[in-house]
């Protein structure tokens, strides 16, 4: 299932746009979140289906999307989806992907040259793909005027210094070479570690585990608070059971620690939680529930 919708809302002085590249059934539920019990999904079917789970096929539903923030007079992209024409032999869903992401940005009134900052929450193929575009057979930065913020730990781990993710997956080398290295050659990459302030409203913070440099973007403007959590969450069942990491987490225990810390702060500070892959409204409030967390209202 594809979606052509562009959601817009405002948090304080920041305008938020959601560009959905694709949305649909992605993988068996307990393949995506291996330690989640079958009963966890079935007991929450009323609100998980159909935006987050297809009960009949028992497949998790996800979205591939980019969040566009207009903050402090600048345009910030949070993750850049899959990208067209990529060699991804280890990822059949993304191999030779062809989509209309740039057209969707244009329909939202955004030209590539308008983008000032690109945030890669981490270096996985569905978060860095549109960092670059094909120009006569050469990969070049898709956003020529942008500064690309890349977590230093991920740049090291997935780059040549650490053997492209330790050489475990051929896709990791391909992702780095077509989506990260060209931006380095263009002099547009800024590496960061720990925390990095973008402007008065936006701060990046490390949240390792999913990848060594996995990060979140915190928004604080006026009375509004939000946290764009990247792949700290893949499914809402991980809000109910934060100890359950996804099959893509390189360090599941560390990822669970980061997840619980992010959710605990979101509940305490009433931050709107905005994950990279949730379907439906795409954003949710969480509340403490005993020793865990509960899904509160979804963002309308």
C-alpha atoms as a PDB file:
ATOM      1  CA  UNK A   1       0.000   0.000   0.000  1.00  0.00           C
ATOM      2  CA  UNK A   2       1.347   3.417  -0.853  1.00  0.00           C
ATOM      3  CA  UNK A   3       0.321   6.739   0.598  1.00  0.00           C
ATOM      4  CA  UNK A   4       0.428  10.160  -1.025  1.00  0.00           C
ATOM      5  CA  UNK A   5      -0.617  12.068   2.044  1.00  0.00           C
ATOM      6  CA  UNK A   6       1.414  14.862   3.528  1.00  0.00           C
ATOM      7  CA  UNK A   7       0.553  15.585   7.151  1.00  0.00           C
ATOM      8  CA  UNK A   8       1.315  19.021   8.552  1.00  0.00           C
ATOM      9  CA  UNK A   9       1.165  20.213  12.136  1.00  0.00           C
ATOM     10  CA  UNK A  10       2.909  22.780  14.299  1.00  0.00           C
ATOM     11  CA  UNK A  11       4.839  22.332  17.532  1.00  0.00           C
ATOM     12  CA  UNK A  12       5.629  25.688  19.077  1.00  0.00           C
ATOM     13  CA  UNK A  13       7.374  27.671  16.345  1.00  0.00           C
ATOM     14  CA  UNK A  14       8.278  24.578  14.330  1.00  0.00           C
ATOM     15  CA  UNK A  15       6.221  23.403  11.353  1.00  0.00           C
ATOM     16  CA  UNK A  16       6.325  19.627  10.868  1.00  0.00           C
ATOM     17  CA  UNK A  17       5.612  17.873   7.571  1.00  0.00           C
ATOM     18  CA  UNK A  18       5.441  14.128   7.118  1.00  0.00           C
ATOM     19  CA  UNK A  19       6.398  12.699   3.725  1.00  0.00           C
ATOM     20  CA  UNK A  20       5.413   9.023   3.408  1.00  0.00           C
ATOM     21  CA  UNK A  21       7.437   7.140   0.794  1.00  0.00           C
ATOM     22  CA  UNK A  22       5.662   3.809   1.336  1.00  0.00           C
ATOM     23  CA  UNK A  23       3.416   2.127   3.865  1.00  0.00           C
ATOM     24  CA  UNK A  24       2.280  -1.468   4.112  1.00  0.00           C
ATOM     25  CA  UNK A  25       2.793  -4.965   5.512  1.00  0.00           C
ATOM     26  CA  UNK A  26       6.533  -5.452   5.906  1.00  0.00           C
ATOM     27  CA  UNK A  27       7.473  -8.611   7.833  1.00  0.00           C
ATOM     28  CA  UNK A  28       5.991 -11.246  10.148  1.00  0.00           C
ATOM     29  CA  UNK A  29       5.271  -9.550  13.454  1.00  0.00           C
ATOM     30  CA  UNK A  30       7.565 -11.692  15.559  1.00  0.00           C
ATOM     31  CA  UNK A  31      10.279 -11.626  12.936  1.00  0.00           C
ATOM     32  CA  UNK A  32      10.369  -7.837  13.224  1.00  0.00           C
ATOM     33  CA  UNK A  33      10.156  -7.913  17.039  1.00  0.00           C
ATOM     34  CA  UNK A  34      11.456 -11.405  17.922  1.00  0.00           C
ATOM     35  CA  UNK A  35      10.893 -11.402  21.688  1.00  0.00           C
ATOM     36  CA  UNK A  36       7.313 -10.121  21.522  1.00  0.00           C
ATOM     37  CA  UNK A  37       4.736 -12.726  22.502  1.00  0.00           C
ATOM     38  CA  UNK A  38       1.899 -13.633  20.153  1.00  0.00           C
ATOM     39  CA  UNK A  39      -0.547 -12.678  22.913  1.00  0.00           C
ATOM     40  CA  UNK A  40       0.918  -9.161  23.060  1.00  0.00           C
ATOM     41  CA  UNK A  41      -0.230  -8.535  19.505  1.00  0.00           C
ATOM     42  CA  UNK A  42      -3.578 -10.299  19.821  1.00  0.00           C
ATOM     43  CA  UNK A  43      -4.487  -8.624  23.113  1.00  0.00           C
ATOM     44  CA  UNK A  44      -3.962  -5.207  21.494  1.00  0.00           C
ATOM     45  CA  UNK A  45      -5.476  -6.003  18.107  1.00  0.00           C
ATOM     46  CA  UNK A  46      -8.216  -3.387  18.522  1.00  0.00           C
ATOM     47  CA  UNK A  47      -5.763  -0.518  18.143  1.00  0.00           C
ATOM     48  CA  UNK A  48      -2.804  -2.207  16.435  1.00  0.00           C
ATOM     49  CA  UNK A  49      -4.881  -3.115  13.371  1.00  0.00           C
ATOM     50  CA  UNK A  50      -4.726  -2.048  10.625  1.00  0.00           C
ATOM     51  CA  UNK A  51      -2.126   0.725  10.945  1.00  0.00           C
ATOM     52  CA  UNK A  52       0.518  -1.363  12.753  1.00  0.00           C
ATOM     53  CA  UNK A  53      -0.451  -5.002  12.245  1.00  0.00           C
ATOM     54  CA  UNK A  54      -2.389  -7.193   9.812  1.00  0.00           C
ATOM     55  CA  UNK A  55      -3.957  -9.891  12.015  1.00  0.00           C
ATOM     56  CA  UNK A  56      -4.947 -12.167   9.120  1.00  0.00           C
ATOM     57  CA  UNK A  57      -1.391 -12.380   7.768  1.00  0.00           C
ATOM     58  CA  UNK A  58       0.283 -11.736  11.152  1.00  0.00           C
ATOM     59  CA  UNK A  59       2.536  -9.166   9.504  1.00  0.00           C
ATOM     60  CA  UNK A  60       3.713  -5.909  11.024  1.00  0.00           C
ATOM     61  CA  UNK A  61       2.762  -2.803   9.083  1.00  0.00           C
ATOM     62  CA  UNK A  62       5.366  -0.061   8.795  1.00  0.00           C
ATOM     63  CA  UNK A  63       5.896   3.218   6.992  1.00  0.00           C
ATOM     64  CA  UNK A  64       8.976   4.527   5.214  1.00  0.00           C
ATOM     65  CA  UNK A  65       8.909   8.264   5.740  1.00  0.00           C
ATOM     66  CA  UNK A  66      10.781  11.494   6.222  1.00  0.00           C
ATOM     67  CA  UNK A  67       9.932  14.224   8.697  1.00  0.00           C
ATOM     68  CA  UNK A  68      10.509  17.773   7.464  1.00  0.00           C
ATOM     69  CA  UNK A  69      10.954  20.453  10.108  1.00  0.00           C
ATOM     70  CA  UNK A  70      10.870  24.173   9.394  1.00  0.00           C
ATOM     71  CA  UNK A  71      12.672  25.671  12.352  1.00  0.00           C
ATOM     72  CA  UNK A  72      14.445  28.963  12.906  1.00  0.00           C
ATOM     73  CA  UNK A  73      14.162  29.929   9.243  1.00  0.00           C
ATOM     74  CA  UNK A  74      15.766  26.676   8.063  1.00  0.00           C
ATOM     75  CA  UNK A  75      14.467  23.429   6.598  1.00  0.00           C
ATOM     76  CA  UNK A  76      15.595  20.221   8.296  1.00  0.00           C
ATOM     77  CA  UNK A  77      15.021  16.710   6.937  1.00  0.00           C
ATOM     78  CA  UNK A  78      14.971  13.886   9.481  1.00  0.00           C
ATOM     79  CA  UNK A  79      16.095  10.739   7.615  1.00  0.00           C
ATOM     80  CA  UNK A  80      15.881  10.295   3.863  1.00  0.00           C
ATOM     81  CA  UNK A  81      14.138   6.951   3.265  1.00  0.00           C
ATOM     82  CA  UNK A  82      15.290   4.310   0.767  1.00  0.00           C
ATOM     83  CA  UNK A  83      16.428   6.052  -2.420  1.00  0.00           C
ATOM     84  CA  UNK A  84      16.019   4.872  -6.007  1.00  0.00           C
ATOM     85  CA  UNK A  85      18.130   2.444  -7.990  1.00  0.00           C
ATOM     86  CA  UNK A  86      20.212   1.057  -5.121  1.00  0.00           C
ATOM     87  CA  UNK A  87      21.996  -2.265  -5.062  1.00  0.00           C
ATOM     88  CA  UNK A  88      20.640  -3.945  -1.918  1.00  0.00           C
ATOM     89  CA  UNK A  89      20.936  -7.709  -2.520  1.00  0.00           C
ATOM     90  CA  UNK A  90      20.534  -8.465   1.184  1.00  0.00           C
ATOM     91  CA  UNK A  91      17.354  -6.387   1.472  1.00  0.00           C
ATOM     92  CA  UNK A  92      14.844  -7.644  -1.118  1.00  0.00           C
ATOM     93  CA  UNK A  93      12.278  -5.005  -0.142  1.00  0.00           C
ATOM     94  CA  UNK A  94      14.721  -2.214  -1.083  1.00  0.00           C
ATOM     95  CA  UNK A  95      16.736  -3.807  -3.903  1.00  0.00           C
ATOM     96  CA  UNK A  96      16.489  -1.619  -7.057  1.00  0.00           C
ATOM     97  CA  UNK A  97      13.731   0.382  -5.369  1.00  0.00           C
ATOM     98  CA  UNK A  98      11.940   2.904  -7.586  1.00  0.00           C
ATOM     99  CA  UNK A  99       9.665   5.460  -5.992  1.00  0.00           C
ATOM    100  CA  UNK A 100       8.536   9.074  -6.304  1.00  0.00           C
ATOM    101  CA  UNK A 101      10.013  10.503  -3.117  1.00  0.00           C
ATOM    102  CA  UNK A 102      11.361  13.650  -4.753  1.00  0.00           C
ATOM    103  CA  UNK A 103       8.027  14.260  -6.453  1.00  0.00           C
ATOM    104  CA  UNK A 104       6.320  13.977  -3.095  1.00  0.00           C
ATOM    105  CA  UNK A 105       8.700  16.552  -1.643  1.00  0.00           C
ATOM    106  CA  UNK A 106       7.920  18.821  -4.584  1.00  0.00           C
ATOM    107  CA  UNK A 107       4.174  18.431  -4.075  1.00  0.00           C
ATOM    108  CA  UNK A 108       4.760  19.516  -0.471  1.00  0.00           C
ATOM    109  CA  UNK A 109       6.438  22.673  -1.810  1.00  0.00           C
ATOM    110  CA  UNK A 110      10.012  21.605  -1.122  1.00  0.00           C
ATOM    111  CA  UNK A 111      12.865  21.808  -3.639  1.00  0.00           C
ATOM    112  CA  UNK A 112      16.180  20.000  -3.047  1.00  0.00           C
ATOM    113  CA  UNK A 113      18.049  23.284  -2.902  1.00  0.00           C
ATOM    114  CA  UNK A 114      15.715  24.501  -0.113  1.00  0.00           C
ATOM    115  CA  UNK A 115      17.010  21.942   2.395  1.00  0.00           C
ATOM    116  CA  UNK A 116      19.508  23.357   4.891  1.00  0.00           C
ATOM    117  CA  UNK A 117      20.122  20.363   7.174  1.00  0.00           C
ATOM    118  CA  UNK A 118      19.779  16.598   6.684  1.00  0.00           C
ATOM    119  CA  UNK A 119      19.693  14.499   9.861  1.00  0.00           C
ATOM    120  CA  UNK A 120      20.550  10.815   9.533  1.00  0.00           C
ATOM    121  CA  UNK A 121      19.417   9.314  12.840  1.00  0.00           C
ATOM    122  CA  UNK A 122      21.593   6.322  11.939  1.00  0.00           C
ATOM    123  CA  UNK A 123      23.239   4.736   8.905  1.00  0.00           C
ATOM    124  CA  UNK A 124      20.749   2.129   7.713  1.00  0.00           C
ATOM    125  CA  UNK A 125      19.600   1.956   4.112  1.00  0.00           C
ATOM    126  CA  UNK A 126      16.039   3.143   4.725  1.00  0.00           C
ATOM    127  CA  UNK A 127      17.289   6.249   6.544  1.00  0.00           C
ATOM    128  CA  UNK A 128      20.055   7.510   4.248  1.00  0.00           C
ATOM    129  CA  UNK A 129      18.938   6.487   0.746  1.00  0.00           C
ATOM    130  CA  UNK A 130      17.935   9.893  -0.546  1.00  0.00           C
ATOM    131  CA  UNK A 131      21.099  11.475   0.819  1.00  0.00           C
ATOM    132  CA  UNK A 132      22.251  11.136  -2.772  1.00  0.00           C
ATOM    133  CA  UNK A 133      20.847  11.042  -6.283  1.00  0.00           C
ATOM    134  CA  UNK A 134      22.119   9.589  -9.539  1.00  0.00           C
ATOM    135  CA  UNK A 135      23.708  12.208 -11.807  1.00  0.00           C
ATOM    136  CA  UNK A 136      24.777  10.563 -15.072  1.00  0.00           C
ATOM    137  CA  UNK A 137      25.857   7.388 -13.319  1.00  0.00           C
ATOM    138  CA  UNK A 138      27.504   9.110 -10.348  1.00  0.00           C
ATOM    139  CA  UNK A 139      26.076   9.430  -6.861  1.00  0.00           C
ATOM    140  CA  UNK A 140      26.017  13.067  -5.728  1.00  0.00           C
ATOM    141  CA  UNK A 141      24.352  14.839  -2.762  1.00  0.00           C
ATOM    142  CA  UNK A 142      20.624  15.106  -3.440  1.00  0.00           C
ATOM    143  CA  UNK A 143      20.427  18.307  -1.388  1.00  0.00           C
ATOM    144  CA  UNK A 144      23.240  20.505  -2.688  1.00  0.00           C
ATOM    145  CA  UNK A 145      23.035  23.214  -0.028  1.00  0.00           C
ATOM    146  CA  UNK A 146      22.530  21.001   3.003  1.00  0.00           C
ATOM    147  CA  UNK A 147      24.764  20.134   5.906  1.00  0.00           C
ATOM    148  CA  UNK A 148      24.426  16.388   6.591  1.00  0.00           C
ATOM    149  CA  UNK A 149      24.575  15.444  10.264  1.00  0.00           C
ATOM    150  CA  UNK A 150      25.823  11.864  10.629  1.00  0.00           C
ATOM    151  CA  UNK A 151      26.561  10.133  13.968  1.00  0.00           C
ATOM    152  CA  UNK A 152      30.318   9.686  14.212  1.00  0.00           C
ATOM    153  CA  UNK A 153      29.977   6.208  15.736  1.00  0.00           C
ATOM    154  CA  UNK A 154      27.932   5.007  12.756  1.00  0.00           C
ATOM    155  CA  UNK A 155      30.238   6.651  10.259  1.00  0.00           C
ATOM    156  CA  UNK A 156      33.130   4.730  11.807  1.00  0.00           C
ATOM    157  CA  UNK A 157      31.258   1.435  12.162  1.00  0.00           C
ATOM    158  CA  UNK A 158      29.738   1.365   8.677  1.00  0.00           C
ATOM    159  CA  UNK A 159      32.626   3.112   6.914  1.00  0.00           C
ATOM    160  CA  UNK A 160      35.919   1.664   5.644  1.00  0.00           C
ATOM    161  CA  UNK A 161      37.721   2.264   8.965  1.00  0.00           C
ATOM    162  CA  UNK A 162      35.727  -0.507  10.608  1.00  0.00           C
ATOM    163  CA  UNK A 163      35.400  -2.639   7.509  1.00  0.00           C
ATOM    164  CA  UNK A 164      31.893  -1.521   6.533  1.00  0.00           C
ATOM    165  CA  UNK A 165      30.121  -2.834   9.603  1.00  0.00           C
ATOM    166  CA  UNK A 166      32.741  -5.478  10.234  1.00  0.00           C
ATOM    167  CA  UNK A 167      32.057  -6.989   6.839  1.00  0.00           C
ATOM    168  CA  UNK A 168      28.989  -8.834   8.105  1.00  0.00           C
ATOM    169  CA  UNK A 169      26.669  -7.620   5.344  1.00  0.00           C
ATOM    170  CA  UNK A 170      27.524  -6.632   1.788  1.00  0.00           C
ATOM    171  CA  UNK A 171      24.647  -4.162   1.950  1.00  0.00           C
ATOM    172  CA  UNK A 172      26.471  -2.136   4.616  1.00  0.00           C
ATOM    173  CA  UNK A 173      29.349  -1.440   2.240  1.00  0.00           C
ATOM    174  CA  UNK A 174      26.966  -0.592  -0.597  1.00  0.00           C
ATOM    175  CA  UNK A 175      24.925   1.746   1.606  1.00  0.00           C
ATOM    176  CA  UNK A 176      28.001   3.609   2.758  1.00  0.00           C
ATOM    177  CA  UNK A 177      29.503   3.880  -0.709  1.00  0.00           C
ATOM    178  CA  UNK A 178      26.381   5.185  -2.473  1.00  0.00           C
ATOM    179  CA  UNK A 179      24.708   7.201   0.304  1.00  0.00           C
ATOM    180  CA  UNK A 180      27.418   8.430   2.728  1.00  0.00           C
ATOM    181  CA  UNK A 181      30.793   8.527   0.935  1.00  0.00           C
ATOM    182  CA  UNK A 182      29.598  10.850  -1.875  1.00  0.00           C
ATOM    183  CA  UNK A 183      28.432  13.401   0.697  1.00  0.00           C
ATOM    184  CA  UNK A 184      31.818  13.173   2.415  1.00  0.00           C
ATOM    185  CA  UNK A 185      33.556  13.819  -0.925  1.00  0.00           C
ATOM    186  CA  UNK A 186      31.357  16.878  -1.431  1.00  0.00           C
ATOM    187  CA  UNK A 187      32.437  18.239   1.969  1.00  0.00           C
ATOM    188  CA  UNK A 188      28.861  18.335   3.278  1.00  0.00           C
ATOM    189  CA  UNK A 189      29.109  15.852   6.181  1.00  0.00           C
ATOM    190  CA  UNK A 190      29.375  16.967   9.794  1.00  0.00           C
ATOM    191  CA  UNK A 191      30.085  14.165  12.252  1.00  0.00           C
ATOM    192  CA  UNK A 192      28.886  14.477  15.840  1.00  0.00           C
ATOM    193  CA  UNK A 193      28.862  12.463  19.048  1.00  0.00           C
ATOM    194  CA  UNK A 194      27.009  12.694  22.357  1.00  0.00           C
ATOM    195  CA  UNK A 195      24.793  15.708  21.728  1.00  0.00           C
ATOM    196  CA  UNK A 196      24.601  18.272  18.961  1.00  0.00           C
ATOM    197  CA  UNK A 197      22.455  21.403  18.959  1.00  0.00           C
ATOM    198  CA  UNK A 198      21.034  22.331  15.559  1.00  0.00           C
ATOM    199  CA  UNK A 199      19.228  25.499  16.658  1.00  0.00           C
ATOM    200  CA  UNK A 200      17.267  26.905  19.590  1.00  0.00           C
ATOM    201  CA  UNK A 201      14.511  24.321  19.041  1.00  0.00           C
ATOM    202  CA  UNK A 202      16.346  21.143  18.006  1.00  0.00           C
ATOM    203  CA  UNK A 203      18.993  18.962  19.692  1.00  0.00           C
ATOM    204  CA  UNK A 204      20.404  15.594  18.625  1.00  0.00           C
ATOM    205  CA  UNK A 205      21.243  13.023  21.297  1.00  0.00           C
ATOM    206  CA  UNK A 206      22.884   9.608  21.103  1.00  0.00           C
ATOM    207  CA  UNK A 207      20.674   6.587  21.819  1.00  0.00           C
ATOM    208  CA  UNK A 208      22.910   3.638  20.904  1.00  0.00           C
ATOM    209  CA  UNK A 209      22.008   0.004  20.518  1.00  0.00           C
ATOM    210  CA  UNK A 210      20.078  -0.234  17.289  1.00  0.00           C
ATOM    211  CA  UNK A 211      23.368   0.856  15.755  1.00  0.00           C
ATOM    212  CA  UNK A 212      26.451   2.203  17.571  1.00  0.00           C
ATOM    213  CA  UNK A 213      25.495   5.764  16.663  1.00  0.00           C
ATOM    214  CA  UNK A 214      21.707   5.510  16.732  1.00  0.00           C
ATOM    215  CA  UNK A 215      20.250   8.853  17.800  1.00  0.00           C
ATOM    216  CA  UNK A 216      17.099  10.825  18.539  1.00  0.00           C
ATOM    217  CA  UNK A 217      16.161  14.405  17.767  1.00  0.00           C
ATOM    218  CA  UNK A 218      14.523  16.377  20.563  1.00  0.00           C
ATOM    219  CA  UNK A 219      12.258  19.340  19.821  1.00  0.00           C
ATOM    220  CA  UNK A 220      11.418  21.948  22.449  1.00  0.00           C
ATOM    221  CA  UNK A 221       9.605  25.068  21.319  1.00  0.00           C
ATOM    222  CA  UNK A 222       7.297  27.125  23.494  1.00  0.00           C
ATOM    223  CA  UNK A 223       5.288  24.671  25.572  1.00  0.00           C
ATOM    224  CA  UNK A 224       5.543  21.871  23.003  1.00  0.00           C
ATOM    225  CA  UNK A 225       7.906  18.923  23.250  1.00  0.00           C
ATOM    226  CA  UNK A 226       8.593  16.060  20.850  1.00  0.00           C
ATOM    227  CA  UNK A 227      11.234  13.421  20.258  1.00  0.00           C
ATOM    228  CA  UNK A 228      11.911  11.964  16.811  1.00  0.00           C
ATOM    229  CA  UNK A 229      13.213   8.552  17.812  1.00  0.00           C
ATOM    230  CA  UNK A 230      14.375   7.017  14.534  1.00  0.00           C
ATOM    231  CA  UNK A 231      14.577   3.242  15.003  1.00  0.00           C
ATOM    232  CA  UNK A 232      14.530   3.227  18.781  1.00  0.00           C
ATOM    233  CA  UNK A 233      10.991   1.981  18.046  1.00  0.00           C
ATOM    234  CA  UNK A 234       9.781  -0.096  15.097  1.00  0.00           C
ATOM    235  CA  UNK A 235       6.362  -1.055  16.453  1.00  0.00           C
ATOM    236  CA  UNK A 236       4.043   0.285  19.166  1.00  0.00           C
ATOM    237  CA  UNK A 237       4.292  -3.066  20.963  1.00  0.00           C
ATOM    238  CA  UNK A 238       7.769  -1.937  22.003  1.00  0.00           C
ATOM    239  CA  UNK A 239       6.162   0.874  24.002  1.00  0.00           C
ATOM    240  CA  UNK A 240       4.267  -1.756  25.977  1.00  0.00           C
ATOM    241  CA  UNK A 241       7.342  -4.006  26.187  1.00  0.00           C
ATOM    242  CA  UNK A 242      10.453  -1.824  25.842  1.00  0.00           C
ATOM    243  CA  UNK A 243      12.673  -4.827  26.566  1.00  0.00           C
ATOM    244  CA  UNK A 244      11.749  -6.172  23.108  1.00  0.00           C
ATOM    245  CA  UNK A 245      14.240  -5.024  20.469  1.00  0.00           C
ATOM    246  CA  UNK A 246      13.797  -5.354  16.730  1.00  0.00           C
ATOM    247  CA  UNK A 247      15.568  -7.945  14.616  1.00  0.00           C
ATOM    248  CA  UNK A 248      17.675  -5.115  13.170  1.00  0.00           C
ATOM    249  CA  UNK A 249      19.207  -4.001  16.481  1.00  0.00           C
ATOM    250  CA  UNK A 250      22.935  -4.722  16.561  1.00  0.00           C
ATOM    251  CA  UNK A 251      23.041  -4.661  20.379  1.00  0.00           C
ATOM    252  CA  UNK A 252      19.526  -5.620  21.575  1.00  0.00           C
ATOM    253  CA  UNK A 253      20.260  -5.122  25.280  1.00  0.00           C
ATOM    254  CA  UNK A 254      21.734  -1.657  24.759  1.00  0.00           C
ATOM    255  CA  UNK A 255      18.872  -0.777  22.408  1.00  0.00           C
ATOM    256  CA  UNK A 256      16.367  -1.768  25.117  1.00  0.00           C
ATOM    257  CA  UNK A 257      18.179   0.431  27.648  1.00  0.00           C
ATOM    258  CA  UNK A 258      18.055   3.385  25.260  1.00  0.00           C
ATOM    259  CA  UNK A 259      14.390   2.709  24.475  1.00  0.00           C
ATOM    260  CA  UNK A 260      13.371   2.666  28.126  1.00  0.00           C
ATOM    261  CA  UNK A 261      15.353   5.843  28.828  1.00  0.00           C
ATOM    262  CA  UNK A 262      13.767   7.690  25.903  1.00  0.00           C
ATOM    263  CA  UNK A 263      10.255   6.523  26.799  1.00  0.00           C
ATOM    264  CA  UNK A 264      10.725   7.369  30.464  1.00  0.00           C
ATOM    265  CA  UNK A 265      11.736  10.914  29.609  1.00  0.00           C
ATOM    266  CA  UNK A 266       8.941  11.254  27.047  1.00  0.00           C
ATOM    267  CA  UNK A 267       6.382  10.234  29.664  1.00  0.00           C
ATOM    268  CA  UNK A 268       7.856  12.560  32.289  1.00  0.00           C
ATOM    269  CA  UNK A 269       8.139  15.579  30.011  1.00  0.00           C
ATOM    270  CA  UNK A 270       5.017  14.959  27.901  1.00  0.00           C
ATOM    271  CA  UNK A 271       7.054  14.673  24.735  1.00  0.00           C
ATOM    272  CA  UNK A 272       5.222  13.583  21.599  1.00  0.00           C
ATOM    273  CA  UNK A 273       6.982  10.401  20.402  1.00  0.00           C
ATOM    274  CA  UNK A 274       7.588  10.430  16.644  1.00  0.00           C
ATOM    275  CA  UNK A 275       9.123   7.168  15.349  1.00  0.00           C
ATOM    276  CA  UNK A 276      10.509   6.628  11.876  1.00  0.00           C
ATOM    277  CA  UNK A 277       8.300   3.683  10.936  1.00  0.00           C
ATOM    278  CA  UNK A 278       4.901   3.978  12.579  1.00  0.00           C
ATOM    279  CA  UNK A 279       1.946   3.980  10.233  1.00  0.00           C
ATOM    280  CA  UNK A 280      -1.358   5.622  11.006  1.00  0.00           C
ATOM    281  CA  UNK A 281      -0.949   9.051  12.567  1.00  0.00           C
ATOM    282  CA  UNK A 282       2.772   8.373  12.979  1.00  0.00           C
ATOM    283  CA  UNK A 283       3.097   9.980  16.397  1.00  0.00           C
ATOM    284  CA  UNK A 284       1.911   9.092  19.889  1.00  0.00           C
ATOM    285  CA  UNK A 285       1.954  10.169  23.512  1.00  0.00           C
ATOM    286  CA  UNK A 286       3.080   7.687  26.146  1.00  0.00           C
ATOM    287  CA  UNK A 287       2.329   7.471  29.842  1.00  0.00           C
ATOM    288  CA  UNK A 288       3.862   5.482  32.654  1.00  0.00           C
ATOM    289  CA  UNK A 289       1.851   2.391  33.508  1.00  0.00           C
ATOM    290  CA  UNK A 290       3.096   0.664  36.640  1.00  0.00           C
ATOM    291  CA  UNK A 291       6.679  -0.331  35.864  1.00  0.00           C
ATOM    292  CA  UNK A 292       6.142   0.118  32.127  1.00  0.00           C
ATOM    293  CA  UNK A 293       4.423   2.370  29.623  1.00  0.00           C
ATOM    294  CA  UNK A 294       1.075   2.670  27.908  1.00  0.00           C
ATOM    295  CA  UNK A 295      -0.009   4.200  24.629  1.00  0.00           C
ATOM    296  CA  UNK A 296      -1.954   7.374  25.347  1.00  0.00           C
ATOM    297  CA  UNK A 297      -3.701   9.339  22.600  1.00  0.00           C
ATOM    298  CA  UNK A 298      -2.419   9.089  19.064  1.00  0.00           C
ATOM    299  CA  UNK A 299      -1.679  12.383  17.391  1.00  0.00           C
ATOM    300  CA  UNK A 300      -4.817  13.312  15.379  1.00  0.00           C
END
